Amino acid sequence: MDSKEIFRKVRKIEIKTRGLSSQIFSGHYHSSFKGKGIAFSEVREYHYGDDIRSIDWNVTARFNHPYIKIFEEERELTVMLLIDVSGSNEFGTRQQLKEEQMTEIAAVLAFSAIQNNDKVGVIFFSDRVEKFIPPKKGSSHILRIIRELIDFRPVSQKTRVSEALRFLTNALKKRSTAFLISDFWDGNFEDSLKIASAKHDLVALRIFDIRETELPNMGLVRFFNKETGKRMWVDSGSRLVRQNFQKHWRDHDLFLNNLFVRNGVDYATIRTDEDYVHPLVNLFKRREARF
């Protein structure tokens, strides 16, 4: 993809997602994702009725008059976007590919973060950490992230969610809000999920295509697995084949739901042919209700 095409796509995504983050998500985002706690702001003279536990005894002794400490919410967050760039995301049968949906969602979250003066960083992962962009503030940083999302080409096509979670746990010493954006065609990451979710506020966003949930009757079809590089013929005309295909989806869906609930990870599923605004707003509202 040449530089002009990349710029055009960046600009298109920026216009759409910046508007959404301003109009819809900014309020929900602010109240759904809290800062690191309460931070010291200033001291002022003691007034009748103030909590005596807030008295700053050092300042009081210096001026021979009572002063108290004023605290306020420490709002600034570090937001990490863990984005699956494996081969299975180059799939989509309706409006867009999974990777295109992920790009838009990541951009909306990034713009929502900078509007709240938060830092944003990115981890691109396959079965390894492909690239790490350290957290920073500012629109130019977000545009760099969007450019990377559009033009990034991974070394590996495979998926290993645990690698991204381990890197997050080791690389970021302070607590962050981390959005794990993937199709989650992986089943061996509970240990790393448990550790990461204990240290960080972890949110899982599963992107999927309707054709991953059921197989239509199309006769004999040749399938290509981008992650393994293997091709195979599938008889979609067989009712048993279609039932097994659907059962595989349901079993994996149940496994992921139980996994996230068991580890206290907020979770939303988003289809490539549906608007992602509704499931994201619902996710934010569920979090707001808990605070």
C-alpha atoms as a PDB file:
ATOM      1  CA  MET A   1       0.000   0.000   0.000  1.00  0.00           C
ATOM      2  CA  ASP A   2       1.508   3.353  -1.031  1.00  0.00           C
ATOM      3  CA  SER A   3       1.751   6.378   1.269  1.00  0.00           C
ATOM      4  CA  LYS A   4      -1.161   8.243  -0.386  1.00  0.00           C
ATOM      5  CA  GLU A   5      -3.497   5.279   0.087  1.00  0.00           C
ATOM      6  CA  ILE A   6      -2.409   4.907   3.719  1.00  0.00           C
ATOM      7  CA  PHE A   7      -3.001   8.632   4.336  1.00  0.00           C
ATOM      8  CA  ARG A   8      -6.467   8.414   2.760  1.00  0.00           C
ATOM      9  CA  LYS A   9      -7.434   5.464   4.955  1.00  0.00           C
ATOM     10  CA  VAL A  10      -6.016   7.079   8.083  1.00  0.00           C
ATOM     11  CA  ARG A  11      -7.976  10.241   7.390  1.00  0.00           C
ATOM     12  CA  LYS A  12     -11.200   8.301   6.756  1.00  0.00           C
ATOM     13  CA  ILE A  13     -10.883   6.342   9.993  1.00  0.00           C
ATOM     14  CA  GLU A  14      -9.874   9.470  11.933  1.00  0.00           C
ATOM     15  CA  ILE A  15     -12.967  11.400  10.810  1.00  0.00           C
ATOM     16  CA  LYS A  16     -15.360   8.557  11.638  1.00  0.00           C
ATOM     17  CA  THR A  17     -13.884   7.397  14.920  1.00  0.00           C
ATOM     18  CA  ARG A  18     -12.971  10.819  16.346  1.00  0.00           C
ATOM     19  CA  GLY A  19     -16.591  11.883  15.865  1.00  0.00           C
ATOM     20  CA  LEU A  20     -17.919   8.745  17.541  1.00  0.00           C
ATOM     21  CA  SER A  21     -15.582   9.100  20.495  1.00  0.00           C
ATOM     22  CA  SER A  22     -16.619  12.754  20.962  1.00  0.00           C
ATOM     23  CA  GLN A  23     -20.366  12.311  20.569  1.00  0.00           C
ATOM     24  CA  ILE A  24     -21.011   8.908  22.112  1.00  0.00           C
ATOM     25  CA  PHE A  25     -18.167   7.401  24.059  1.00  0.00           C
ATOM     26  CA  SER A  26     -16.408  10.222  25.898  1.00  0.00           C
ATOM     27  CA  GLY A  27     -18.902  10.446  28.777  1.00  0.00           C
ATOM     28  CA  HIS A  28     -19.319   6.688  29.129  1.00  0.00           C
ATOM     29  CA  TYR A  29     -15.568   6.166  28.843  1.00  0.00           C
ATOM     30  CA  HIS A  30     -14.798   8.704  31.573  1.00  0.00           C
ATOM     31  CA  SER A  31     -17.217   7.190  34.076  1.00  0.00           C
ATOM     32  CA  SER A  32     -16.463   3.567  33.142  1.00  0.00           C
ATOM     33  CA  PHE A  33     -12.688   3.661  33.484  1.00  0.00           C
ATOM     34  CA  LYS A  34     -11.397   5.192  36.681  1.00  0.00           C
ATOM     35  CA  GLY A  35      -8.013   6.685  37.401  1.00  0.00           C
ATOM     36  CA  LYS A  36      -5.417   5.334  39.782  1.00  0.00           C
ATOM     37  CA  GLY A  37      -7.085   6.688  42.927  1.00  0.00           C
ATOM     38  CA  ILE A  38      -6.881   9.805  45.049  1.00  0.00           C
ATOM     39  CA  ALA A  39      -3.910  12.135  44.699  1.00  0.00           C
ATOM     40  CA  PHE A  40      -2.707  15.063  46.839  1.00  0.00           C
ATOM     41  CA  SER A  41      -3.601  18.437  45.302  1.00  0.00           C
ATOM     42  CA  GLU A  42      -2.826  21.303  47.718  1.00  0.00           C
ATOM     43  CA  VAL A  43      -3.093  22.590  51.293  1.00  0.00           C
ATOM     44  CA  ARG A  44      -5.415  25.284  52.600  1.00  0.00           C
ATOM     45  CA  GLU A  45      -6.340  26.778  55.956  1.00  0.00           C
ATOM     46  CA  TYR A  46      -8.513  24.670  58.212  1.00  0.00           C
ATOM     47  CA  HIS A  47     -12.216  25.678  58.282  1.00  0.00           C
ATOM     48  CA  TYR A  48     -14.734  24.729  60.920  1.00  0.00           C
ATOM     49  CA  GLY A  49     -16.261  21.365  60.014  1.00  0.00           C
ATOM     50  CA  ASP A  50     -13.250  20.047  58.070  1.00  0.00           C
ATOM     51  CA  ASP A  51     -12.149  16.499  58.822  1.00  0.00           C
ATOM     52  CA  ILE A  52      -9.342  16.772  61.394  1.00  0.00           C
ATOM     53  CA  ARG A  53      -7.794  13.623  59.890  1.00  0.00           C
ATOM     54  CA  SER A  54      -6.831  15.782  56.874  1.00  0.00           C
ATOM     55  CA  ILE A  55      -4.719  18.201  58.921  1.00  0.00           C
ATOM     56  CA  ASP A  56      -1.182  18.600  57.591  1.00  0.00           C
ATOM     57  CA  TRP A  57       0.751  18.711  60.852  1.00  0.00           C
ATOM     58  CA  ASN A  58       4.035  19.802  59.265  1.00  0.00           C
ATOM     59  CA  VAL A  59       2.511  22.901  57.638  1.00  0.00           C
ATOM     60  CA  THR A  60       0.403  23.563  60.739  1.00  0.00           C
ATOM     61  CA  ALA A  61       3.525  23.565  62.941  1.00  0.00           C
ATOM     62  CA  ARG A  62       5.404  25.825  60.522  1.00  0.00           C
ATOM     63  CA  PHE A  63       2.717  28.551  60.432  1.00  0.00           C
ATOM     64  CA  ASN A  64       1.266  27.972  63.902  1.00  0.00           C
ATOM     65  CA  HIS A  65      -2.192  27.722  62.371  1.00  0.00           C
ATOM     66  CA  PRO A  66      -4.093  24.582  61.216  1.00  0.00           C
ATOM     67  CA  TYR A  67      -3.904  23.641  57.542  1.00  0.00           C
ATOM     68  CA  ILE A  68      -5.448  20.613  55.810  1.00  0.00           C
ATOM     69  CA  LYS A  69      -4.495  18.573  52.774  1.00  0.00           C
ATOM     70  CA  ILE A  70      -6.816  18.660  49.765  1.00  0.00           C
ATOM     71  CA  PHE A  71      -7.087  15.535  47.638  1.00  0.00           C
ATOM     72  CA  GLU A  72      -8.693  14.936  44.254  1.00  0.00           C
ATOM     73  CA  GLU A  73      -9.256  12.019  41.895  1.00  0.00           C
ATOM     74  CA  GLU A  74      -6.102  11.131  40.003  1.00  0.00           C
ATOM     75  CA  ARG A  75      -7.817  10.835  36.645  1.00  0.00           C
ATOM     76  CA  GLU A  76      -4.994  10.041  34.247  1.00  0.00           C
ATOM     77  CA  LEU A  77      -4.994   6.488  32.938  1.00  0.00           C
ATOM     78  CA  THR A  78      -2.624   4.457  30.860  1.00  0.00           C
ATOM     79  CA  VAL A  79      -4.646   2.665  28.193  1.00  0.00           C
ATOM     80  CA  MET A  80      -3.134  -0.307  26.383  1.00  0.00           C
ATOM     81  CA  LEU A  81      -4.579  -1.772  23.190  1.00  0.00           C
ATOM     82  CA  LEU A  82      -3.586  -5.423  22.718  1.00  0.00           C
ATOM     83  CA  ILE A  83      -4.424  -6.119  19.084  1.00  0.00           C
ATOM     84  CA  ASP A  84      -4.439  -9.538  17.448  1.00  0.00           C
ATOM     85  CA  VAL A  85      -2.746  -9.317  14.018  1.00  0.00           C
ATOM     86  CA  SER A  86      -2.765 -13.060  13.231  1.00  0.00           C
ATOM     87  CA  GLY A  87      -3.918 -14.493   9.915  1.00  0.00           C
ATOM     88  CA  SER A  88      -7.418 -15.478  11.048  1.00  0.00           C
ATOM     89  CA  ASN A  89      -8.398 -11.798  11.218  1.00  0.00           C
ATOM     90  CA  GLU A  90      -8.019 -11.433   7.450  1.00  0.00           C
ATOM     91  CA  PHE A  91     -11.514 -12.860   7.148  1.00  0.00           C
ATOM     92  CA  GLY A  92     -14.937 -11.340   6.621  1.00  0.00           C
ATOM     93  CA  THR A  93     -17.975 -12.260   4.550  1.00  0.00           C
ATOM     94  CA  ARG A  94     -20.207  -9.211   4.975  1.00  0.00           C
ATOM     95  CA  GLN A  95     -19.350  -5.542   5.435  1.00  0.00           C
ATOM     96  CA  GLN A  96     -15.678  -5.761   6.389  1.00  0.00           C
ATOM     97  CA  LEU A  97     -12.849  -7.981   7.523  1.00  0.00           C
ATOM     98  CA  LYS A  98     -12.289  -8.671  11.208  1.00  0.00           C
ATOM     99  CA  GLU A  99      -9.017  -6.743  11.103  1.00  0.00           C
ATOM    100  CA  GLU A 100     -10.816  -3.685   9.671  1.00  0.00           C
ATOM    101  CA  GLN A 101     -13.384  -3.828  12.479  1.00  0.00           C
ATOM    102  CA  MET A 102     -10.568  -4.097  15.018  1.00  0.00           C
ATOM    103  CA  THR A 103      -8.846  -1.049  13.534  1.00  0.00           C
ATOM    104  CA  GLU A 104     -11.951   1.112  13.887  1.00  0.00           C
ATOM    105  CA  ILE A 105     -12.671  -0.041  17.436  1.00  0.00           C
ATOM    106  CA  ALA A 106      -9.064   0.542  18.480  1.00  0.00           C
ATOM    107  CA  ALA A 107      -9.182   4.040  16.965  1.00  0.00           C
ATOM    108  CA  VAL A 108     -12.416   4.912  18.814  1.00  0.00           C
ATOM    109  CA  LEU A 109     -10.936   3.754  22.108  1.00  0.00           C
ATOM    110  CA  ALA A 110      -7.707   5.654  21.443  1.00  0.00           C
ATOM    111  CA  PHE A 111      -9.503   8.927  20.664  1.00  0.00           C
ATOM    112  CA  SER A 112     -11.740   8.469  23.724  1.00  0.00           C
ATOM    113  CA  ALA A 113      -8.595   8.051  25.818  1.00  0.00           C
ATOM    114  CA  ILE A 114      -6.798  11.172  24.591  1.00  0.00           C
ATOM    115  CA  GLN A 115      -9.944  13.268  25.054  1.00  0.00           C
ATOM    116  CA  ASN A 116      -9.640  12.313  28.725  1.00  0.00           C
ATOM    117  CA  ASN A 117      -5.933  13.185  28.726  1.00  0.00           C
ATOM    118  CA  ASP A 118      -4.911   9.531  29.060  1.00  0.00           C
ATOM    119  CA  LYS A 119      -1.844   7.869  27.620  1.00  0.00           C
ATOM    120  CA  VAL A 120      -2.310   5.203  24.938  1.00  0.00           C
ATOM    121  CA  GLY A 121       0.015   2.380  23.957  1.00  0.00           C
ATOM    122  CA  VAL A 122      -0.293  -0.637  21.660  1.00  0.00           C
ATOM    123  CA  ILE A 123       0.855  -4.244  21.616  1.00  0.00           C
ATOM    124  CA  PHE A 124       0.491  -5.985  18.243  1.00  0.00           C
ATOM    125  CA  PHE A 125       0.582  -9.749  18.712  1.00  0.00           C
ATOM    126  CA  SER A 126       0.321 -13.024  16.811  1.00  0.00           C
ATOM    127  CA  ASP A 127       1.969 -16.019  18.478  1.00  0.00           C
ATOM    128  CA  ARG A 128       4.596 -13.493  19.567  1.00  0.00           C
ATOM    129  CA  VAL A 129       4.710  -9.794  20.350  1.00  0.00           C
ATOM    130  CA  GLU A 130       5.120  -8.286  16.893  1.00  0.00           C
ATOM    131  CA  LYS A 131       5.434  -4.651  17.943  1.00  0.00           C
ATOM    132  CA  PHE A 132       5.189  -2.528  21.081  1.00  0.00           C
ATOM    133  CA  ILE A 133       4.322   1.175  20.942  1.00  0.00           C
ATOM    134  CA  PRO A 134       4.884   2.676  24.420  1.00  0.00           C
ATOM    135  CA  PRO A 135       2.073   4.774  25.955  1.00  0.00           C
ATOM    136  CA  LYS A 136       2.025   8.467  25.071  1.00  0.00           C
ATOM    137  CA  LYS A 137      -0.461  11.321  24.805  1.00  0.00           C
ATOM    138  CA  GLY A 138      -1.552  13.442  21.869  1.00  0.00           C
ATOM    139  CA  SER A 139      -3.325  13.295  18.524  1.00  0.00           C
ATOM    140  CA  SER A 140      -0.141  12.766  16.515  1.00  0.00           C
ATOM    141  CA  HIS A 141       0.573   9.651  18.575  1.00  0.00           C
ATOM    142  CA  ILE A 142      -2.943   8.321  17.904  1.00  0.00           C
ATOM    143  CA  LEU A 143      -2.564   8.939  14.156  1.00  0.00           C
ATOM    144  CA  ARG A 144       0.691   6.993  14.231  1.00  0.00           C
ATOM    145  CA  ILE A 145      -1.160   4.099  15.895  1.00  0.00           C
ATOM    146  CA  ILE A 146      -3.876   4.192  13.224  1.00  0.00           C
ATOM    147  CA  ARG A 147      -1.252   4.180  10.453  1.00  0.00           C
ATOM    148  CA  GLU A 148       0.358   1.139  12.048  1.00  0.00           C
ATOM    149  CA  LEU A 149      -3.026  -0.588  12.338  1.00  0.00           C
ATOM    150  CA  ILE A 150      -3.692  -0.080   8.637  1.00  0.00           C
ATOM    151  CA  ASP A 151      -0.278  -0.935   7.253  1.00  0.00           C
ATOM    152  CA  PHE A 152       1.208  -3.375   9.777  1.00  0.00           C
ATOM    153  CA  ARG A 153       2.312  -6.756   8.411  1.00  0.00           C
ATOM    154  CA  PRO A 154       3.078  -9.421  11.043  1.00  0.00           C
ATOM    155  CA  VAL A 155       5.959 -11.862  10.835  1.00  0.00           C
ATOM    156  CA  SER A 156       3.768 -14.763  11.999  1.00  0.00           C
ATOM    157  CA  GLN A 157       0.212 -15.734  11.021  1.00  0.00           C
ATOM    158  CA  LYS A 158      -0.490 -17.775  14.162  1.00  0.00           C
ATOM    159  CA  THR A 159      -2.199 -16.806  17.450  1.00  0.00           C
ATOM    160  CA  ARG A 160      -1.018 -17.044  21.044  1.00  0.00           C
ATOM    161  CA  VAL A 161      -2.927 -14.703  23.325  1.00  0.00           C
ATOM    162  CA  SER A 162      -0.771 -15.660  26.309  1.00  0.00           C
ATOM    163  CA  GLU A 163       2.296 -13.998  24.735  1.00  0.00           C
ATOM    164  CA  ALA A 164       0.572 -10.603  24.611  1.00  0.00           C
ATOM    165  CA  LEU A 165      -0.703 -10.943  28.185  1.00  0.00           C
ATOM    166  CA  ARG A 166       2.704 -11.965  29.519  1.00  0.00           C
ATOM    167  CA  PHE A 167       4.313  -9.004  27.783  1.00  0.00           C
ATOM    168  CA  LEU A 168       1.694  -6.636  29.236  1.00  0.00           C
ATOM    169  CA  THR A 169       2.318  -7.968  32.745  1.00  0.00           C
ATOM    170  CA  ASN A 170       6.096  -7.645  32.452  1.00  0.00           C
ATOM    171  CA  ALA A 171       6.422  -4.426  30.431  1.00  0.00           C
ATOM    172  CA  LEU A 172       3.981  -2.177  32.313  1.00  0.00           C
ATOM    173  CA  LYS A 173       4.881  -1.813  35.952  1.00  0.00           C
ATOM    174  CA  LYS A 174       1.903   0.389  36.869  1.00  0.00           C
ATOM    175  CA  ARG A 175      -1.744  -0.585  36.580  1.00  0.00           C
ATOM    176  CA  SER A 176      -3.362   0.173  33.217  1.00  0.00           C
ATOM    177  CA  THR A 177      -6.676  -0.313  31.466  1.00  0.00           C
ATOM    178  CA  ALA A 178      -6.000  -2.899  28.769  1.00  0.00           C
ATOM    179  CA  PHE A 179      -8.328  -3.724  25.879  1.00  0.00           C
ATOM    180  CA  LEU A 180      -7.601  -7.194  24.491  1.00  0.00           C
ATOM    181  CA  ILE A 181      -9.000  -7.136  20.922  1.00  0.00           C
ATOM    182  CA  SER A 182      -8.999 -10.518  19.175  1.00  0.00           C
ATOM    183  CA  ASP A 183     -11.111 -13.232  17.580  1.00  0.00           C
ATOM    184  CA  PHE A 184      -9.807 -15.473  20.389  1.00  0.00           C
ATOM    185  CA  TRP A 185      -9.253 -18.577  18.298  1.00  0.00           C
ATOM    186  CA  ASP A 186      -6.944 -19.801  21.009  1.00  0.00           C
ATOM    187  CA  GLY A 187      -7.641 -21.873  24.090  1.00  0.00           C
ATOM    188  CA  ASN A 188      -4.559 -21.979  26.255  1.00  0.00           C
ATOM    189  CA  PHE A 189      -4.182 -18.613  27.944  1.00  0.00           C
ATOM    190  CA  GLU A 190      -6.006 -18.793  31.282  1.00  0.00           C
ATOM    191  CA  ASP A 191      -2.897 -18.670  33.466  1.00  0.00           C
ATOM    192  CA  SER A 192      -1.561 -15.523  31.794  1.00  0.00           C
ATOM    193  CA  LEU A 193      -5.086 -14.016  31.774  1.00  0.00           C
ATOM    194  CA  LYS A 194      -5.424 -14.578  35.514  1.00  0.00           C
ATOM    195  CA  ILE A 195      -2.086 -12.886  36.235  1.00  0.00           C
ATOM    196  CA  ALA A 196      -2.701  -9.949  33.868  1.00  0.00           C
ATOM    197  CA  SER A 197      -6.252  -9.306  35.129  1.00  0.00           C
ATOM    198  CA  ALA A 198      -5.023  -9.231  38.727  1.00  0.00           C
ATOM    199  CA  LYS A 199      -2.543  -6.464  37.876  1.00  0.00           C
ATOM    200  CA  HIS A 200      -4.479  -4.526  35.192  1.00  0.00           C
ATOM    201  CA  ASP A 201      -8.082  -3.593  34.427  1.00  0.00           C
ATOM    202  CA  LEU A 202      -8.500  -6.018  31.534  1.00  0.00           C
ATOM    203  CA  VAL A 203     -11.353  -5.819  29.013  1.00  0.00           C
ATOM    204  CA  ALA A 204     -11.815  -8.445  26.262  1.00  0.00           C
ATOM    205  CA  LEU A 205     -13.398  -7.530  22.917  1.00  0.00           C
ATOM    206  CA  ARG A 206     -14.088 -10.532  20.698  1.00  0.00           C
ATOM    207  CA  ILE A 207     -14.530  -9.779  16.989  1.00  0.00           C
ATOM    208  CA  PHE A 208     -16.182 -12.441  14.860  1.00  0.00           C
ATOM    209  CA  ASP A 209     -17.844 -13.045  11.509  1.00  0.00           C
ATOM    210  CA  ILE A 210     -21.281 -14.646  11.154  1.00  0.00           C
ATOM    211  CA  ARG A 211     -19.792 -17.344   8.911  1.00  0.00           C
ATOM    212  CA  GLU A 212     -17.687 -18.560  11.829  1.00  0.00           C
ATOM    213  CA  THR A 213     -20.857 -19.517  13.729  1.00  0.00           C
ATOM    214  CA  GLU A 214     -22.550 -21.665  11.082  1.00  0.00           C
ATOM    215  CA  LEU A 215     -21.672 -23.289   7.776  1.00  0.00           C
ATOM    216  CA  PRO A 216     -24.154 -22.828   4.898  1.00  0.00           C
ATOM    217  CA  ASN A 217     -24.956 -25.646   2.494  1.00  0.00           C
ATOM    218  CA  MET A 218     -22.689 -24.860  -0.462  1.00  0.00           C
ATOM    219  CA  GLY A 219     -21.720 -28.390  -1.474  1.00  0.00           C
ATOM    220  CA  LEU A 220     -18.058 -29.322  -1.703  1.00  0.00           C
ATOM    221  CA  VAL A 221     -15.964 -26.298  -0.653  1.00  0.00           C
ATOM    222  CA  ARG A 222     -12.221 -25.775  -0.409  1.00  0.00           C
ATOM    223  CA  PHE A 223     -11.092 -24.058   2.793  1.00  0.00           C
ATOM    224  CA  PHE A 224      -7.800 -22.292   3.443  1.00  0.00           C
ATOM    225  CA  ASN A 225      -6.482 -21.835   6.982  1.00  0.00           C
ATOM    226  CA  LYS A 226      -4.379 -18.666   6.928  1.00  0.00           C
ATOM    227  CA  GLU A 227      -2.748 -19.437  10.278  1.00  0.00           C
ATOM    228  CA  THR A 228      -1.546 -22.942   9.381  1.00  0.00           C
ATOM    229  CA  GLY A 229      -1.247 -22.491   5.606  1.00  0.00           C
ATOM    230  CA  LYS A 230      -3.249 -25.697   5.044  1.00  0.00           C
ATOM    231  CA  ARG A 231      -6.010 -26.248   2.494  1.00  0.00           C
ATOM    232  CA  MET A 232      -8.769 -28.807   2.789  1.00  0.00           C
ATOM    233  CA  TRP A 233     -11.984 -29.856   1.087  1.00  0.00           C
ATOM    234  CA  VAL A 234     -15.161 -29.724   3.210  1.00  0.00           C
ATOM    235  CA  ASP A 235     -18.511 -31.265   2.280  1.00  0.00           C
ATOM    236  CA  SER A 236     -20.829 -28.508   3.492  1.00  0.00           C
ATOM    237  CA  GLY A 237     -23.733 -30.446   1.997  1.00  0.00           C
ATOM    238  CA  SER A 238     -23.423 -32.926   4.871  1.00  0.00           C
ATOM    239  CA  ARG A 239     -25.783 -32.150   7.751  1.00  0.00           C
ATOM    240  CA  LEU A 240     -23.358 -33.807  10.189  1.00  0.00           C
ATOM    241  CA  VAL A 241     -20.497 -31.590   8.987  1.00  0.00           C
ATOM    242  CA  ARG A 242     -22.622 -28.467   9.436  1.00  0.00           C
ATOM    243  CA  GLN A 243     -23.765 -29.582  12.901  1.00  0.00           C
ATOM    244  CA  ASN A 244     -20.180 -30.274  13.998  1.00  0.00           C
ATOM    245  CA  PHE A 245     -19.100 -26.877  12.663  1.00  0.00           C
ATOM    246  CA  GLN A 246     -21.831 -25.146  14.680  1.00  0.00           C
ATOM    247  CA  LYS A 247     -21.071 -27.218  17.791  1.00  0.00           C
ATOM    248  CA  HIS A 248     -17.404 -26.257  17.594  1.00  0.00           C
ATOM    249  CA  TRP A 249     -18.408 -22.574  17.637  1.00  0.00           C
ATOM    250  CA  ARG A 250     -20.855 -23.026  20.545  1.00  0.00           C
ATOM    251  CA  ASP A 251     -18.353 -24.989  22.623  1.00  0.00           C
ATOM    252  CA  HIS A 252     -15.613 -22.404  22.105  1.00  0.00           C
ATOM    253  CA  ASP A 253     -18.035 -19.551  22.792  1.00  0.00           C
ATOM    254  CA  LEU A 254     -19.083 -21.172  26.090  1.00  0.00           C
ATOM    255  CA  PHE A 255     -15.445 -21.812  26.985  1.00  0.00           C
ATOM    256  CA  LEU A 256     -14.541 -18.125  26.473  1.00  0.00           C
ATOM    257  CA  ASN A 257     -17.561 -16.841  28.377  1.00  0.00           C
ATOM    258  CA  ASN A 258     -16.770 -19.041  31.370  1.00  0.00           C
ATOM    259  CA  LEU A 259     -13.083 -18.148  31.164  1.00  0.00           C
ATOM    260  CA  PHE A 260     -13.686 -14.384  31.293  1.00  0.00           C
ATOM    261  CA  VAL A 261     -16.345 -14.593  34.010  1.00  0.00           C
ATOM    262  CA  ARG A 262     -14.145 -16.861  36.133  1.00  0.00           C
ATOM    263  CA  ASN A 263     -11.293 -14.352  35.962  1.00  0.00           C
ATOM    264  CA  GLY A 264     -13.374 -11.189  36.425  1.00  0.00           C
ATOM    265  CA  VAL A 265     -12.697  -9.862  32.908  1.00  0.00           C
ATOM    266  CA  ASP A 266     -15.337  -7.643  31.266  1.00  0.00           C
ATOM    267  CA  TYR A 267     -16.219  -9.051  27.871  1.00  0.00           C
ATOM    268  CA  ALA A 268     -18.106  -8.024  24.707  1.00  0.00           C
ATOM    269  CA  THR A 269     -18.644  -9.793  21.381  1.00  0.00           C
ATOM    270  CA  ILE A 270     -18.891  -7.749  18.191  1.00  0.00           C
ATOM    271  CA  ARG A 271     -19.887  -9.018  14.736  1.00  0.00           C
ATOM    272  CA  THR A 272     -18.220  -7.686  11.604  1.00  0.00           C
ATOM    273  CA  ASP A 273     -21.594  -7.009   9.934  1.00  0.00           C
ATOM    274  CA  GLU A 274     -23.077  -5.137  12.900  1.00  0.00           C
ATOM    275  CA  ASP A 275     -22.488  -1.652  14.300  1.00  0.00           C
ATOM    276  CA  TYR A 276     -19.943  -1.830  17.127  1.00  0.00           C
ATOM    277  CA  VAL A 277     -21.389   1.229  18.897  1.00  0.00           C
ATOM    278  CA  HIS A 278     -24.192  -0.683  20.654  1.00  0.00           C
ATOM    279  CA  PRO A 279     -22.080  -3.461  22.245  1.00  0.00           C
ATOM    280  CA  LEU A 280     -19.385  -0.992  23.328  1.00  0.00           C
ATOM    281  CA  VAL A 281     -21.881   1.402  24.928  1.00  0.00           C
ATOM    282  CA  ASN A 282     -23.542  -1.555  26.688  1.00  0.00           C
ATOM    283  CA  LEU A 283     -20.146  -2.635  27.990  1.00  0.00           C
ATOM    284  CA  PHE A 284     -19.436   0.871  29.304  1.00  0.00           C
ATOM    285  CA  LYS A 285     -22.878   1.077  30.949  1.00  0.00           C
ATOM    286  CA  ARG A 286     -22.373  -2.249  32.718  1.00  0.00           C
ATOM    287  CA  ARG A 287     -19.126  -0.937  34.131  1.00  0.00           C
ATOM    288  CA  GLU A 288     -20.686   2.391  35.141  1.00  0.00           C
ATOM    289  CA  ALA A 289     -23.368   0.526  37.110  1.00  0.00           C
ATOM    290  CA  ARG A 290     -20.687  -1.089  39.267  1.00  0.00           C
ATOM    291  CA  PHE A 291     -19.073   2.215  40.312  1.00  0.00           C
END
